[in-house]
Amino acid sequence: MAQYEHRVVLERKLGRKLRPGEFAHHKNEIKADNRPRNLEPLFVGDHNRLHLAKTVAAKCGFCSATLIVHPYKLRYSKSGQVFCNNQCAGRFNNGHGVRGTPFSKTEDRFILAKRQQGWSWCRIGNELNRNRESIADCD
């Protein structure tokens, strides 16, 4: 069975298997740094307390709501943004994983109204001059 390198290195350092609920914690928070001196065993609660103590305030990349996140989320986010939920992330990414122009409230209302009238996603996308995948999967 395959194991994560950091767990194997820590088990060798300790001379025992990690116990259930025990993590291999990276002291310098660099996950690729699996040197024995950078690893220590921590139980779930201790690990969570350690990381939650280092939270910072951030703004949602789409709606600007205030969020409390670990700095790791900001440092390693592909878009350089954090989001309060998947809906905000999807609107920021405009369905493509690259920044698109977010829909305005007027466009949101237009999309909902046209869907209620039976318009297809393709037709709405064409009407808004947007890639149809940025709105939804094509019918």
N, C-alpha and C. Protein backbone atom coordinates (compact mmCIF):
# COMPACT_ATOMS: atom_id res chain seq x y z
N MET A 1 0.84 -1.18 0.00
CA MET A 1 0.00 0.00 0.00
C MET A 1 0.89 1.25 0.00
N ALA A 2 0.55 2.22 -0.83
CA ALA A 2 1.31 3.46 -0.94
C ALA A 2 1.10 4.32 0.31
N GLN A 3 2.17 5.00 0.73
CA GLN A 3 2.09 5.91 1.86
C GLN A 3 2.69 7.25 1.48
N TYR A 4 2.27 8.27 2.18
CA TYR A 4 2.85 9.59 1.97
C TYR A 4 4.27 9.62 2.52
N GLU A 5 5.15 10.29 1.79
CA GLU A 5 6.56 10.33 2.16
C GLU A 5 6.76 10.90 3.56
N HIS A 6 6.06 11.98 3.90
CA HIS A 6 6.27 12.62 5.19
C HIS A 6 5.90 11.70 6.35
N ARG A 7 4.91 10.85 6.15
CA ARG A 7 4.53 9.90 7.20
C ARG A 7 5.61 8.83 7.37
N VAL A 8 6.15 8.34 6.27
CA VAL A 8 7.20 7.32 6.32
C VAL A 8 8.45 7.88 7.00
N VAL A 9 8.84 9.10 6.63
CA VAL A 9 10.03 9.74 7.22
C VAL A 9 9.84 9.93 8.72
N LEU A 10 8.67 10.40 9.14
CA LEU A 10 8.42 10.62 10.56
C LEU A 10 8.39 9.29 11.33
N GLU A 11 7.79 8.28 10.75
CA GLU A 11 7.76 6.96 11.43
C GLU A 11 9.17 6.42 11.62
N ARG A 12 10.03 6.60 10.61
CA ARG A 12 11.44 6.17 10.75
C ARG A 12 12.13 6.96 11.85
N LYS A 13 11.88 8.26 11.91
CA LYS A 13 12.49 9.12 12.93
C LYS A 13 12.05 8.68 14.33
N LEU A 14 10.76 8.37 14.49
CA LEU A 14 10.21 7.99 15.79
C LEU A 14 10.52 6.53 16.14
N GLY A 15 10.75 5.72 15.13
CA GLY A 15 10.98 4.30 15.36
C GLY A 15 9.70 3.54 15.65
N ARG A 16 8.57 4.10 15.22
CA ARG A 16 7.26 3.46 15.42
C ARG A 16 6.28 3.96 14.38
N LYS A 17 5.16 3.27 14.25
CA LYS A 17 4.08 3.71 13.37
C LYS A 17 3.34 4.87 14.03
N LEU A 18 2.80 5.77 13.22
CA LEU A 18 1.96 6.84 13.77
C LEU A 18 0.68 6.24 14.31
N ARG A 19 0.22 6.76 15.40
CA ARG A 19 -1.01 6.27 16.03
C ARG A 19 -2.22 6.79 15.27
N PRO A 20 -3.37 6.13 15.44
CA PRO A 20 -4.60 6.65 14.82
C PRO A 20 -4.88 8.08 15.31
N GLY A 21 -5.16 8.97 14.39
CA GLY A 21 -5.45 10.36 14.74
C GLY A 21 -4.21 11.23 14.86
N GLU A 22 -3.04 10.66 14.59
CA GLU A 22 -1.79 11.41 14.68
C GLU A 22 -1.38 11.87 13.28
N PHE A 23 -0.94 13.11 13.18
CA PHE A 23 -0.51 13.70 11.91
C PHE A 23 1.00 13.87 11.89
N ALA A 24 1.57 13.90 10.70
CA ALA A 24 2.96 14.30 10.50
C ALA A 24 2.91 15.79 10.17
N HIS A 25 3.22 16.62 11.13
CA HIS A 25 3.13 18.08 10.98
C HIS A 25 4.45 18.64 10.45
N HIS A 26 4.37 19.50 9.44
CA HIS A 26 5.54 20.20 8.90
C HIS A 26 5.74 21.48 9.70
N LYS A 27 6.79 21.55 10.47
CA LYS A 27 7.03 22.70 11.35
C LYS A 27 7.11 24.02 10.60
N ASN A 28 7.76 24.02 9.42
CA ASN A 28 7.91 25.26 8.67
C ASN A 28 6.76 25.48 7.69
N GLU A 29 5.77 24.60 7.71
CA GLU A 29 4.55 24.68 6.89
C GLU A 29 4.82 24.53 5.39
N ILE A 30 5.98 24.03 5.02
CA ILE A 30 6.27 23.76 3.61
C ILE A 30 6.07 22.26 3.41
N LYS A 31 4.99 21.92 2.73
CA LYS A 31 4.61 20.51 2.62
C LYS A 31 5.63 19.66 1.87
N ALA A 32 6.44 20.26 1.02
CA ALA A 32 7.43 19.51 0.26
C ALA A 32 8.71 19.27 1.07
N ASP A 33 8.85 19.91 2.23
CA ASP A 33 10.05 19.78 3.06
C ASP A 33 9.85 18.62 4.04
N ASN A 34 10.28 17.42 3.61
CA ASN A 34 10.07 16.22 4.40
C ASN A 34 11.32 15.78 5.15
N ARG A 35 12.19 16.73 5.51
CA ARG A 35 13.36 16.38 6.31
C ARG A 35 12.90 15.97 7.71
N PRO A 36 13.55 14.99 8.32
CA PRO A 36 13.12 14.53 9.64
C PRO A 36 13.02 15.66 10.67
N ARG A 37 13.96 16.61 10.65
CA ARG A 37 13.93 17.69 11.66
C ARG A 37 12.74 18.64 11.45
N ASN A 38 12.12 18.62 10.28
CA ASN A 38 10.98 19.49 10.00
C ASN A 38 9.64 18.82 10.34
N LEU A 39 9.68 17.56 10.73
CA LEU A 39 8.44 16.82 11.00
C LEU A 39 8.28 16.52 12.48
N GLU A 40 7.04 16.62 12.96
CA GLU A 40 6.75 16.24 14.34
C GLU A 40 5.35 15.63 14.38
N PRO A 41 5.14 14.68 15.30
CA PRO A 41 3.81 14.08 15.39
C PRO A 41 2.87 14.98 16.20
N LEU A 42 1.67 15.19 15.69
CA LEU A 42 0.65 15.96 16.41
C LEU A 42 -0.69 15.24 16.26
N PHE A 43 -1.46 15.22 17.33
CA PHE A 43 -2.81 14.67 17.25
C PHE A 43 -3.73 15.70 16.60
N VAL A 44 -4.86 15.24 16.11
CA VAL A 44 -5.79 16.07 15.34
C VAL A 44 -6.11 17.39 16.05
N GLY A 45 -6.52 17.33 17.31
CA GLY A 45 -6.90 18.54 18.04
C GLY A 45 -5.75 19.53 18.16
N ASP A 46 -4.56 19.01 18.50
CA ASP A 46 -3.38 19.88 18.63
C ASP A 46 -3.02 20.50 17.29
N HIS A 47 -3.12 19.71 16.23
CA HIS A 47 -2.81 20.19 14.88
C HIS A 47 -3.77 21.31 14.48
N ASN A 48 -5.06 21.09 14.73
CA ASN A 48 -6.05 22.11 14.38
C ASN A 48 -5.86 23.39 15.18
N ARG A 49 -5.61 23.26 16.50
CA ARG A 49 -5.39 24.45 17.33
C ARG A 49 -4.18 25.24 16.85
N LEU A 50 -3.13 24.54 16.49
CA LEU A 50 -1.91 25.19 16.02
C LEU A 50 -2.19 26.02 14.76
N HIS A 51 -2.92 25.44 13.82
CA HIS A 51 -3.19 26.13 12.57
C HIS A 51 -4.27 27.20 12.71
N LEU A 52 -5.27 26.96 13.53
CA LEU A 52 -6.33 27.95 13.70
C LEU A 52 -5.85 29.19 14.45
N ALA A 53 -4.76 29.05 15.20
CA ALA A 53 -4.21 30.20 15.92
C ALA A 53 -3.57 31.20 14.96
N LYS A 54 -3.32 30.79 13.73
CA LYS A 54 -2.62 31.64 12.77
C LYS A 54 -3.54 32.20 11.69
N THR A 55 -4.80 32.36 11.99
CA THR A 55 -5.73 32.83 10.97
C THR A 55 -5.60 34.33 10.74
N VAL A 56 -6.02 34.75 9.55
CA VAL A 56 -6.00 36.17 9.18
C VAL A 56 -7.33 36.53 8.53
N ALA A 57 -7.63 37.79 8.51
CA ALA A 57 -8.85 38.25 7.84
C ALA A 57 -8.55 38.44 6.36
N ALA A 58 -9.49 38.06 5.52
CA ALA A 58 -9.36 38.23 4.07
C ALA A 58 -10.73 38.59 3.50
N LYS A 59 -10.76 39.02 2.28
CA LYS A 59 -12.01 39.35 1.60
C LYS A 59 -12.29 38.30 0.53
N CYS A 60 -13.57 37.93 0.40
CA CYS A 60 -13.98 37.03 -0.67
C CYS A 60 -13.66 37.70 -2.00
N GLY A 61 -13.05 36.95 -2.93
CA GLY A 61 -12.64 37.49 -4.21
C GLY A 61 -13.79 37.91 -5.11
N PHE A 62 -15.01 37.47 -4.78
CA PHE A 62 -16.15 37.85 -5.61
C PHE A 62 -17.07 38.84 -4.91
N CYS A 63 -17.54 38.49 -3.71
CA CYS A 63 -18.55 39.35 -3.07
C CYS A 63 -17.98 40.27 -2.00
N SER A 64 -16.69 40.16 -1.71
CA SER A 64 -15.98 41.00 -0.74
C SER A 64 -16.41 40.78 0.71
N ALA A 65 -17.07 39.67 1.01
CA ALA A 65 -17.41 39.35 2.40
C ALA A 65 -16.12 39.11 3.17
N THR A 66 -16.11 39.46 4.45
CA THR A 66 -14.93 39.26 5.28
C THR A 66 -14.87 37.80 5.71
N LEU A 67 -13.69 37.19 5.54
CA LEU A 67 -13.48 35.78 5.89
C LEU A 67 -12.30 35.67 6.84
N ILE A 68 -12.30 34.64 7.66
CA ILE A 68 -11.16 34.32 8.51
C ILE A 68 -10.56 33.04 7.95
N VAL A 69 -9.32 33.12 7.46
CA VAL A 69 -8.68 31.97 6.81
C VAL A 69 -7.24 31.80 7.30
N HIS A 70 -6.70 30.64 7.07
CA HIS A 70 -5.29 30.39 7.36
C HIS A 70 -4.46 31.01 6.24
N PRO A 71 -3.34 31.62 6.54
CA PRO A 71 -2.51 32.24 5.49
C PRO A 71 -2.14 31.28 4.37
N TYR A 72 -2.09 29.99 4.66
CA TYR A 72 -1.79 28.98 3.65
C TYR A 72 -2.78 29.07 2.49
N LYS A 73 -4.06 29.33 2.80
CA LYS A 73 -5.08 29.44 1.76
C LYS A 73 -4.77 30.58 0.80
N LEU A 74 -4.25 31.67 1.32
CA LEU A 74 -3.91 32.82 0.47
C LEU A 74 -2.64 32.55 -0.33
N ARG A 75 -1.69 31.90 0.29
CA ARG A 75 -0.40 31.67 -0.33
C ARG A 75 -0.48 30.68 -1.49
N TYR A 76 -1.31 29.66 -1.35
CA TYR A 76 -1.33 28.60 -2.35
C TYR A 76 -2.60 28.55 -3.20
N SER A 77 -3.39 29.59 -3.19
CA SER A 77 -4.59 29.66 -4.03
C SER A 77 -4.17 29.89 -5.48
N LYS A 78 -4.68 29.10 -6.41
CA LYS A 78 -4.31 29.23 -7.82
C LYS A 78 -4.66 30.61 -8.37
N SER A 79 -5.78 31.16 -7.93
CA SER A 79 -6.21 32.46 -8.44
C SER A 79 -5.67 33.62 -7.60
N GLY A 80 -5.07 33.29 -6.45
CA GLY A 80 -4.61 34.34 -5.55
C GLY A 80 -5.75 34.92 -4.73
N GLN A 81 -6.91 34.28 -4.79
CA GLN A 81 -8.10 34.76 -4.09
C GLN A 81 -8.64 33.65 -3.19
N VAL A 82 -9.43 34.02 -2.20
CA VAL A 82 -10.19 33.06 -1.41
C VAL A 82 -11.66 33.43 -1.57
N PHE A 83 -12.52 32.46 -1.37
CA PHE A 83 -13.95 32.68 -1.59
C PHE A 83 -14.75 32.14 -0.42
N CYS A 84 -15.91 32.76 -0.18
CA CYS A 84 -16.72 32.32 0.95
C CYS A 84 -17.47 31.02 0.64
N ASN A 85 -17.68 30.70 -0.64
CA ASN A 85 -18.35 29.46 -1.00
C ASN A 85 -18.09 29.14 -2.47
N ASN A 86 -18.56 27.99 -2.92
CA ASN A 86 -18.32 27.56 -4.30
C ASN A 86 -19.04 28.45 -5.32
N GLN A 87 -20.17 29.01 -4.92
CA GLN A 87 -20.91 29.87 -5.84
C GLN A 87 -20.08 31.11 -6.17
N CYS A 88 -19.49 31.74 -5.16
CA CYS A 88 -18.65 32.92 -5.41
C CYS A 88 -17.41 32.54 -6.22
N ALA A 89 -16.82 31.39 -5.92
CA ALA A 89 -15.64 30.95 -6.67
C ALA A 89 -16.00 30.72 -8.13
N GLY A 90 -17.15 30.09 -8.38
CA GLY A 90 -17.58 29.83 -9.75
C GLY A 90 -17.86 31.10 -10.52
N ARG A 91 -18.47 32.07 -9.87
CA ARG A 91 -18.75 33.33 -10.55
C ARG A 91 -17.47 34.10 -10.82
N PHE A 92 -16.52 34.05 -9.88
CA PHE A 92 -15.23 34.71 -10.11
C PHE A 92 -14.53 34.08 -11.30
N ASN A 93 -14.52 32.76 -11.34
CA ASN A 93 -13.83 32.04 -12.40
C ASN A 93 -14.64 31.99 -13.68
N ASN A 94 -15.90 32.39 -13.62
CA ASN A 94 -16.76 32.42 -14.79
C ASN A 94 -16.81 31.05 -15.48
N GLY A 95 -16.69 30.00 -14.64
CA GLY A 95 -16.83 28.65 -15.15
C GLY A 95 -15.60 28.09 -15.84
N HIS A 96 -14.46 28.78 -15.82
CA HIS A 96 -13.32 28.31 -16.60
C HIS A 96 -12.03 28.14 -15.83
N GLY A 97 -11.95 28.54 -14.59
CA GLY A 97 -10.70 28.45 -13.87
C GLY A 97 -9.76 29.61 -14.20
N VAL A 98 -10.19 30.52 -15.03
CA VAL A 98 -9.44 31.75 -15.28
C VAL A 98 -10.39 32.90 -15.05
N ARG A 99 -9.85 34.01 -14.68
CA ARG A 99 -10.71 35.14 -14.34
C ARG A 99 -11.50 35.59 -15.55
N GLY A 100 -12.80 35.62 -15.40
CA GLY A 100 -13.68 36.18 -16.40
C GLY A 100 -14.35 37.39 -15.79
N THR A 101 -15.09 38.11 -16.55
CA THR A 101 -15.81 39.24 -16.00
C THR A 101 -17.01 38.70 -15.22
N PRO A 102 -17.09 38.99 -13.92
CA PRO A 102 -18.21 38.48 -13.15
C PRO A 102 -19.53 39.02 -13.69
N PHE A 103 -20.60 38.25 -13.52
CA PHE A 103 -21.91 38.69 -13.94
C PHE A 103 -22.39 39.80 -13.03
N SER A 104 -22.99 40.80 -13.61
CA SER A 104 -23.57 41.87 -12.82
C SER A 104 -24.93 41.39 -12.29
N LYS A 105 -25.48 42.13 -11.36
CA LYS A 105 -26.80 41.77 -10.83
C LYS A 105 -27.85 41.82 -11.95
N THR A 106 -27.70 42.76 -12.88
CA THR A 106 -28.62 42.86 -14.01
C THR A 106 -28.54 41.61 -14.87
N GLU A 107 -27.30 41.15 -15.14
CA GLU A 107 -27.13 39.93 -15.92
C GLU A 107 -27.69 38.71 -15.19
N ASP A 108 -27.45 38.65 -13.87
CA ASP A 108 -28.02 37.54 -13.08
C ASP A 108 -29.54 37.50 -13.21
N ARG A 109 -30.17 38.66 -13.09
CA ARG A 109 -31.64 38.73 -13.21
C ARG A 109 -32.08 38.33 -14.63
N PHE A 110 -31.33 38.78 -15.64
CA PHE A 110 -31.64 38.44 -17.03
C PHE A 110 -31.58 36.93 -17.23
N ILE A 111 -30.51 36.30 -16.72
CA ILE A 111 -30.34 34.85 -16.86
C ILE A 111 -31.50 34.11 -16.22
N LEU A 112 -31.85 34.49 -14.98
CA LEU A 112 -32.96 33.82 -14.29
C LEU A 112 -34.27 34.00 -15.04
N ALA A 113 -34.53 35.22 -15.52
CA ALA A 113 -35.78 35.50 -16.23
C ALA A 113 -35.86 34.68 -17.52
N LYS A 114 -34.77 34.64 -18.26
CA LYS A 114 -34.79 33.91 -19.54
C LYS A 114 -34.90 32.40 -19.33
N ARG A 115 -34.30 31.88 -18.27
CA ARG A 115 -34.44 30.45 -17.98
C ARG A 115 -35.91 30.13 -17.64
N GLN A 116 -36.55 31.03 -16.90
CA GLN A 116 -37.97 30.82 -16.57
C GLN A 116 -38.84 30.89 -17.81
N GLN A 117 -38.39 31.63 -18.82
CA GLN A 117 -39.13 31.71 -20.09
C GLN A 117 -38.81 30.53 -21.00
N GLY A 118 -37.87 29.66 -20.55
CA GLY A 118 -37.56 28.48 -21.33
C GLY A 118 -36.38 28.61 -22.27
N TRP A 119 -35.63 29.69 -22.18
CA TRP A 119 -34.46 29.85 -23.04
C TRP A 119 -33.41 28.81 -22.68
N SER A 120 -32.63 28.36 -23.65
CA SER A 120 -31.54 27.41 -23.39
C SER A 120 -30.33 28.19 -22.88
N TRP A 121 -29.41 27.46 -22.24
CA TRP A 121 -28.18 28.09 -21.77
C TRP A 121 -27.39 28.65 -22.96
N CYS A 122 -27.41 27.91 -24.07
CA CYS A 122 -26.68 28.37 -25.26
C CYS A 122 -27.23 29.72 -25.74
N ARG A 123 -28.53 29.83 -25.81
CA ARG A 123 -29.15 31.06 -26.30
C ARG A 123 -28.85 32.23 -25.37
N ILE A 124 -28.90 31.98 -24.06
CA ILE A 124 -28.60 33.04 -23.09
C ILE A 124 -27.14 33.48 -23.24
N GLY A 125 -26.23 32.50 -23.37
CA GLY A 125 -24.82 32.81 -23.55
C GLY A 125 -24.59 33.67 -24.78
N ASN A 126 -25.26 33.30 -25.89
CA ASN A 126 -25.13 34.08 -27.13
C ASN A 126 -25.69 35.48 -26.96
N GLU A 127 -26.81 35.61 -26.28
CA GLU A 127 -27.45 36.91 -26.07
C GLU A 127 -26.56 37.84 -25.24
N LEU A 128 -25.88 37.26 -24.24
CA LEU A 128 -25.01 38.06 -23.38
C LEU A 128 -23.59 38.20 -23.96
N ASN A 129 -23.37 37.56 -25.10
CA ASN A 129 -22.05 37.55 -25.72
C ASN A 129 -21.01 36.96 -24.76
N ARG A 130 -21.39 35.86 -24.10
CA ARG A 130 -20.54 35.15 -23.16
C ARG A 130 -20.42 33.71 -23.63
N ASN A 131 -19.32 33.10 -23.30
CA ASN A 131 -19.16 31.68 -23.56
C ASN A 131 -20.24 30.94 -22.79
N ARG A 132 -20.98 30.06 -23.46
CA ARG A 132 -22.12 29.42 -22.81
C ARG A 132 -21.70 28.61 -21.58
N GLU A 133 -20.46 28.06 -21.55
CA GLU A 133 -20.03 27.30 -20.39
C GLU A 133 -19.86 28.19 -19.15
N SER A 134 -19.75 29.51 -19.35
CA SER A 134 -19.63 30.40 -18.21
C SER A 134 -20.97 30.56 -17.51
N ILE A 135 -22.03 30.15 -18.15
CA ILE A 135 -23.36 30.24 -17.55
C ILE A 135 -23.79 28.88 -17.03
N ALA A 136 -23.71 27.86 -17.85
CA ALA A 136 -24.04 26.49 -17.44
C ALA A 136 -23.71 25.57 -18.59
N ASP A 137 -23.80 24.29 -18.34
CA ASP A 137 -23.60 23.33 -19.43
C ASP A 137 -24.67 23.55 -20.46
N CYS A 138 -24.29 23.42 -21.70
CA CYS A 138 -25.23 23.59 -22.79
C CYS A 138 -26.24 22.46 -22.79
N ASP A 139 -27.49 22.78 -23.03
CA ASP A 139 -28.56 21.76 -23.08
C ASP A 139 -28.27 20.74 -24.13
